[in-house]
Protein backbone atom coordinates (compact mmCIF):
# COMPACT_ATOMS: atom_id res chain seq x y z
CA MET A 1 0.00 0.00 0.00
CA ARG A 2 1.20 3.49 -0.81
CA GLN A 3 -0.34 6.60 0.64
CA ASN A 4 0.00 9.74 -1.44
CA ALA A 5 2.25 7.87 -3.87
CA GLU A 6 2.95 9.89 -6.99
CA THR A 7 1.17 8.38 -9.96
CA GLY A 8 0.25 10.03 -13.22
CA GLU A 9 -0.13 13.76 -12.62
CA GLY A 10 -0.05 14.09 -8.85
CA TYR A 11 -0.85 12.03 -5.82
CA SER A 12 -3.78 9.75 -5.07
CA ASP A 13 -4.80 9.52 -1.43
CA ILE A 14 -4.32 5.73 -1.33
CA SER A 15 -2.93 3.32 -3.93
CA ILE A 16 -2.84 -0.44 -3.31
CA GLN A 17 -1.55 -3.40 -5.31
CA THR A 18 -2.53 -6.87 -4.12
CA PRO A 19 -0.33 -9.96 -4.56
CA GLY A 20 -2.77 -11.04 -7.30
CA ARG A 21 -1.93 -7.87 -9.26
CA VAL A 22 -5.23 -6.11 -8.58
CA GLY A 23 -4.80 -2.37 -8.11
CA ILE A 24 -7.00 -0.11 -6.02
CA VAL A 25 -6.95 3.69 -6.24
CA ILE A 26 -8.83 5.61 -3.55
CA GLU A 27 -9.53 9.34 -3.53
CA LEU A 28 -11.10 10.95 -0.45
CA LYS A 29 -13.16 14.13 -0.40
CA TYR A 30 -14.76 16.12 2.39
CA ALA A 31 -18.23 17.30 1.34
CA ASP A 32 -18.41 20.79 2.84
CA ASP A 33 -21.99 21.23 1.63
CA GLY A 34 -23.09 17.72 2.69
CA ASN A 35 -23.59 16.56 -0.92
CA LEU A 36 -21.84 13.19 -0.68
CA GLU A 37 -22.87 12.05 -4.16
CA LYS A 38 -21.32 15.10 -5.79
CA ALA A 39 -18.10 14.75 -3.78
CA CYS A 40 -17.79 11.06 -4.76
CA ALA A 41 -18.23 12.00 -8.42
CA GLU A 42 -15.53 14.68 -8.04
CA ALA A 43 -13.18 12.14 -6.47
CA LEU A 44 -13.65 9.67 -9.35
CA LYS A 45 -13.26 12.48 -11.88
CA GLN A 46 -9.98 13.50 -10.22
CA ILE A 47 -8.68 9.92 -10.41
CA GLU A 48 -9.33 9.92 -14.17
CA GLU A 49 -8.19 13.45 -14.97
CA ARG A 50 -4.93 13.12 -13.07
CA ASN A 51 -4.31 9.58 -14.30
CA TYR A 52 -3.68 8.17 -10.82
CA ALA A 53 -3.83 4.55 -12.04
CA GLU A 54 -0.77 5.00 -14.27
CA GLY A 55 1.74 4.01 -11.58
CA LEU A 56 -0.15 0.77 -10.93
CA LYS A 57 -0.27 0.02 -14.65
CA ARG A 58 3.50 0.51 -14.89
CA ARG A 59 3.95 -2.05 -12.10
CA GLY A 60 2.03 -4.69 -14.09
CA THR A 61 -1.38 -4.41 -12.47
CA LYS A 62 -3.93 -6.52 -14.36
CA LYS A 63 -7.13 -4.98 -12.99
CA ILE A 64 -7.68 -1.57 -11.41
CA ILE A 65 -10.60 -0.66 -9.16
CA LYS A 66 -11.27 3.00 -8.40
CA TYR A 67 -13.10 4.30 -5.32
CA GLY A 68 -14.37 7.79 -4.64
CA ILE A 69 -15.08 8.23 -0.96
CA ALA A 70 -16.83 11.27 0.46
CA PHE A 71 -17.60 12.15 4.02
CA CYS A 72 -19.25 14.92 5.97
CA GLU A 73 -19.26 14.80 9.74
CA LYS A 74 -20.47 11.27 10.62
CA GLU A 75 -21.81 10.39 7.15
CA CYS A 76 -19.85 8.61 4.44
CA MET A 77 -20.49 7.42 0.90
CA VAL A 78 -18.38 5.17 -1.31
CA VAL A 79 -18.71 4.94 -5.10
CA MET A 80 -16.76 2.43 -7.18
CA ALA A 81 -15.76 2.79 -10.82
């Protein structure tokens, strides 16, 4: 697991590669306005726009799962792409 590992154009919050060569990219967002859905969408958009999965691809990852996670106070939402 790498936290804030540089991949693509910047740093993802969390990047994981399993022994089975499955990669996981996680981007976290705080939803100031409480709109968790919107913040999750922004997190997934950021993963794509900044090409965060590139580092995992270079290390031979076969499958990449992307998660946008948003939270506001005690509420949380997770969206997978």
